[in-house]
PDB file of N, CA and C in Angstrom:
ATOM      1  N   ALA A   1     -27.583  14.156 -10.052  1.00  0.00           N
ATOM      2  CA  ALA A   1     -27.240  14.492  -9.354  1.00  0.00           C
ATOM      3  C   ALA A   1     -27.183  13.780  -7.461  1.00  0.00           C
ATOM      4  N   CYS A   2     -28.611  12.813  -7.888  1.00  0.00           N
ATOM      5  CA  CYS A   2     -29.187  12.290  -6.463  1.00  0.00           C
ATOM      6  C   CYS A   2     -27.736  10.978  -6.917  1.00  0.00           C
ATOM      7  N   ALA A   3     -27.230  10.425  -7.224  1.00  0.00           N
ATOM      8  CA  ALA A   3     -26.238   8.954  -7.438  1.00  0.00           C
ATOM      9  C   ALA A   3     -24.504   9.972  -6.997  1.00  0.00           C
ATOM     10  N   SER A   4     -24.978  11.731  -6.977  1.00  0.00           N
ATOM     11  CA  SER A   4     -23.373  11.381  -5.983  1.00  0.00           C
ATOM     12  C   SER A   4     -23.785  12.912  -5.253  1.00  0.00           C
ATOM     13  N   ASN A   5     -25.278  12.061  -4.263  1.00  0.00           N
ATOM     14  CA  ASN A   5     -25.765  12.692  -3.018  1.00  0.00           C
ATOM     15  C   ASN A   5     -24.289  12.620  -1.785  1.00  0.00           C
ATOM     16  N   PRO A   6     -23.936  12.775  -1.741  1.00  0.00           N
ATOM     17  CA  PRO A   6     -22.652  12.883  -0.194  1.00  0.00           C
ATOM     18  C   PRO A   6     -24.023  12.878   1.201  1.00  0.00           C
ATOM     19  N   ALA A   7     -24.922  13.313   1.234  1.00  0.00           N
ATOM     20  CA  ALA A   7     -25.846  13.206   2.563  1.00  0.00           C
ATOM     21  C   ALA A   7     -27.386  13.008   2.273  1.00  0.00           C
ATOM     22  N   ALA A   8     -27.581  11.494   1.809  1.00  0.00           N
ATOM     23  CA  ALA A   8     -28.577  11.272   1.541  1.00  0.00           C
ATOM     24  C   ALA A   8     -29.635  11.430   2.395  1.00  0.00           C
ATOM     25  N   LEU A   9     -29.237  11.458   4.253  1.00  0.00           N
ATOM     26  CA  LEU A   9     -30.376  11.873   4.629  1.00  0.00           C
ATOM     27  C   LEU A   9     -31.430  12.703   4.662  1.00  0.00           C
ATOM     28  N   VAL A  10     -30.010  13.582   4.720  1.00  0.00           N
ATOM     29  CA  VAL A  10     -30.134  15.239   4.244  1.00  0.00           C
ATOM     30  C   VAL A  10     -31.041  15.733   3.420  1.00  0.00           C
ATOM     31  N   ILE A  11     -30.494  15.176   2.341  1.00  0.00           N
ATOM     32  CA  ILE A  11     -30.846  15.613   1.343  1.00  0.00           C
ATOM     33  C   ILE A  11     -31.478  14.321   0.763  1.00  0.00           C
ATOM     34  N   PRO A  12     -33.236  13.997   0.909  1.00  0.00           N
ATOM     35  CA  PRO A  12     -33.616  12.507   0.714  1.00  0.00           C
ATOM     36  C   PRO A  12     -34.499  12.312  -0.589  1.00  0.00           C
ATOM     37  N   CYS A  13     -32.786  11.963  -1.302  1.00  0.00           N
ATOM     38  CA  CYS A  13     -33.209  11.406  -2.544  1.00  0.00           C
ATOM     39  C   CYS A  13     -33.651   9.963  -2.492  1.00  0.00           C
ATOM     40  N   HIS A  14     -34.071   9.149  -2.125  1.00  0.00           N
ATOM     41  CA  HIS A  14     -34.615   8.120  -1.421  1.00  0.00           C
ATOM     42  C   HIS A  14     -36.318   8.240  -1.955  1.00  0.00           C
ATOM     43  N   ARG A  15     -36.439   9.168  -2.031  1.00  0.00           N
ATOM     44  CA  ARG A  15     -38.161   9.960  -2.392  1.00  0.00           C
ATOM     45  C   ARG A  15     -37.871   9.898  -3.321  1.00  0.00           C
ATOM     46  N   VAL A  16     -37.156  10.124  -4.629  1.00  0.00           N
ATOM     47  CA  VAL A  16     -37.591   9.750  -6.035  1.00  0.00           C
ATOM     48  C   VAL A  16     -38.066   8.767  -6.190  1.00  0.00           C
ATOM     49  N   VAL A  17     -39.216   8.348  -7.328  1.00  0.00           N
ATOM     50  CA  VAL A  17     -39.607   7.810  -7.650  1.00  0.00           C
ATOM     51  C   VAL A  17     -39.808   7.904  -9.105  1.00  0.00           C
ATOM     52  N   ARG A  18     -40.116   6.601  -9.911  1.00  0.00           N
ATOM     53  CA  ARG A  18     -40.192   6.583 -10.978  1.00  0.00           C
ATOM     54  C   ARG A  18     -41.261   7.458 -11.414  1.00  0.00           C
ATOM     55  N   GLU A  19     -42.406   7.271 -12.680  1.00  0.00           N
ATOM     56  CA  GLU A  19     -42.900   7.964 -13.015  1.00  0.00           C
ATOM     57  C   GLU A  19     -43.901   6.424 -13.311  1.00  0.00           C
ATOM     58  N   ASP A  20     -43.645   5.786 -13.770  1.00  0.00           N
ATOM     59  CA  ASP A  20     -44.941   4.196 -12.959  1.00  0.00           C
ATOM     60  C   ASP A  20     -44.899   3.774 -11.804  1.00  0.00           C
ATOM     61  N   GLY A  21     -43.891   4.546 -10.907  1.00  0.00           N
ATOM     62  CA  GLY A  21     -44.322   4.169  -9.138  1.00  0.00           C
ATOM     63  C   GLY A  21     -43.298   3.402  -8.945  1.00  0.00           C
ATOM     64  N   GLY A  22     -42.204   2.648  -9.819  1.00  0.00           N
ATOM     65  CA  GLY A  22     -41.129   1.919  -9.606  1.00  0.00           C
ATOM     66  C   GLY A  22     -40.548   2.626  -8.623  1.00  0.00           C
ATOM     67  N   LEU A  23     -39.240   1.734  -8.007  1.00  0.00           N
ATOM     68  CA  LEU A  23     -38.326   2.523  -7.408  1.00  0.00           C
ATOM     69  C   LEU A  23     -37.109   3.232  -7.728  1.00  0.00           C
ATOM     70  N   GLY A  24     -36.932   2.767  -9.550  1.00  0.00           N
ATOM     71  CA  GLY A  24     -35.948   2.844  -9.913  1.00  0.00           C
ATOM     72  C   GLY A  24     -34.506   2.612  -9.414  1.00  0.00           C
ATOM     73  N   GLY A  25     -33.264   3.564  -9.728  1.00  0.00           N
ATOM     74  CA  GLY A  25     -32.219   3.117  -9.034  1.00  0.00           C
ATOM     75  C   GLY A  25     -32.068   3.869  -7.687  1.00  0.00           C
ATOM     76  N   TYR A  26     -30.952   3.196  -6.752  1.00  0.00           N
ATOM     77  CA  TYR A  26     -29.946   4.180  -5.741  1.00  0.00           C
ATOM     78  C   TYR A  26     -29.236   3.933  -5.439  1.00  0.00           C
ATOM     79  N   ARG A  27     -28.708   4.808  -5.215  1.00  0.00           N
ATOM     80  CA  ARG A  27     -27.316   4.551  -5.305  1.00  0.00           C
ATOM     81  C   ARG A  27     -26.161   3.764  -3.642  1.00  0.00           C
ATOM     82  N   TRP A  28     -27.162   3.775  -2.843  1.00  0.00           N
ATOM     83  CA  TRP A  28     -27.332   2.246  -1.985  1.00  0.00           C
ATOM     84  C   TRP A  28     -27.617   1.449  -2.291  1.00  0.00           C
ATOM     85  N   GLY A  29     -27.906   0.733  -3.191  1.00  0.00           N
ATOM     86  CA  GLY A  29     -28.738   0.227  -3.319  1.00  0.00           C
ATOM     87  C   GLY A  29     -30.825   0.413  -3.229  1.00  0.00           C
ATOM     88  N   ILE A  30     -31.369  -0.678  -3.763  1.00  0.00           N
ATOM     89  CA  ILE A  30     -32.599  -0.988  -3.984  1.00  0.00           C
ATOM     90  C   ILE A  30     -33.090  -1.340  -2.597  1.00  0.00           C
ATOM     91  N   GLN A  31     -32.381  -1.945  -1.819  1.00  0.00           N
ATOM     92  CA  GLN A  31     -33.073  -2.702  -0.625  1.00  0.00           C
ATOM     93  C   GLN A  31     -32.964  -1.532   0.660  1.00  0.00           C
ATOM     94  N   ARG A  32     -32.070  -0.655   0.745  1.00  0.00           N
ATOM     95  CA  ARG A  32     -31.580   0.256   1.614  1.00  0.00           C
ATOM     96  C   ARG A  32     -32.933   1.391   1.429  1.00  0.00           C
ATOM     97  N   LYS A  33     -33.182   1.461  -0.139  1.00  0.00           N
ATOM     98  CA  LYS A  33     -34.145   2.928  -0.226  1.00  0.00           C
ATOM     99  C   LYS A  33     -35.496   2.274   0.273  1.00  0.00           C
ATOM    100  N   GLU A  34     -35.846   0.543   0.070  1.00  0.00           N
ATOM    101  CA  GLU A  34     -36.866   0.434   0.046  1.00  0.00           C
ATOM    102  C   GLU A  34     -37.172   0.247   1.996  1.00  0.00           C
ATOM    103  N   THR A  35     -36.240   0.164   2.650  1.00  0.00           N
ATOM    104  CA  THR A  35     -36.051   0.140   3.870  1.00  0.00           C
ATOM    105  C   THR A  35     -36.515   1.620   4.751  1.00  0.00           C
ATOM    106  N   LEU A  36     -35.627   2.878   4.470  1.00  0.00           N
ATOM    107  CA  LEU A  36     -36.107   3.886   4.449  1.00  0.00           C
ATOM    108  C   LEU A  36     -37.351   4.596   3.864  1.00  0.00           C
ATOM    109  N   LEU A  37     -38.042   3.557   2.791  1.00  0.00           N
ATOM    110  CA  LEU A  37     -39.288   4.760   2.486  1.00  0.00           C
ATOM    111  C   LEU A  37     -40.150   4.034   3.429  1.00  0.00           C
ATOM    112  N   ALA A  38     -40.371   2.649   3.848  1.00  0.00           N
ATOM    113  CA  ALA A  38     -40.511   2.050   4.622  1.00  0.00           C
ATOM    114  C   ALA A  38     -40.881   2.502   5.694  1.00  0.00           C
ATOM    115  N   GLN A  39     -39.751   2.927   6.021  1.00  0.00           N
ATOM    116  CA  GLN A  39     -39.750   3.568   7.609  1.00  0.00           C
ATOM    117  C   GLN A  39     -40.060   4.572   7.479  1.00  0.00           C
ATOM    118  N   GLU A  40     -39.968   5.730   6.752  1.00  0.00           N
ATOM    119  CA  GLU A  40     -40.595   7.238   7.030  1.00  0.00           C
ATOM    120  C   GLU A  40     -42.120   6.674   6.374  1.00  0.00           C
ATOM    121  N   ALA A  41     -42.543   5.498   5.768  1.00  0.00           N
ATOM    122  CA  ALA A  41     -44.764   5.606   5.717  1.00  0.00           C
ATOM    123  C   ALA A  41     -45.161   5.031   7.368  1.00  0.00           C
ATOM    124  N   GLU A  42     -44.149   4.666   8.123  1.00  0.00           N
ATOM    125  CA  GLU A  42     -44.487   3.832   9.142  1.00  0.00           C
ATOM    126  C   GLU A  42     -44.908   4.771   9.630  1.00  0.00           C
ATOM    127  N   ASN A  43     -44.164   6.297  10.164  1.00  0.00           N
ATOM    128  CA  ASN A  43     -43.449   7.441  10.503  1.00  0.00           C
ATOM    129  C   ASN A  43     -44.775   7.878  10.724  1.00  0.00           C
ATOM    130  N   VAL A  44     -44.963   8.418   9.273  1.00  0.00           N
ATOM    131  CA  VAL A  44     -46.612   9.341   8.949  1.00  0.00           C
ATOM    132  C   VAL A  44     -47.487   8.490   9.896  1.00  0.00           C
ATOM    133  N   ARG A  45     -47.613   7.262   9.906  1.00  0.00           N
ATOM    134  CA  ARG A  45     -49.603   6.897  10.415  1.00  0.00           C
ATOM    135  C   ARG A  45     -49.506   7.211  11.292  1.00  0.00           C
TER     136      ARG A  45
END
């Protein structure tokens, strides 16, 4: 379901991580997933 999500910022599949804490995959690439997660982490602090 996440791989075919056309509204990734509205339905935040980038927040899905593996059970072991790894990032797993992301339709638009791991680099973008890392960036989105880092931006969100900054907004939380």
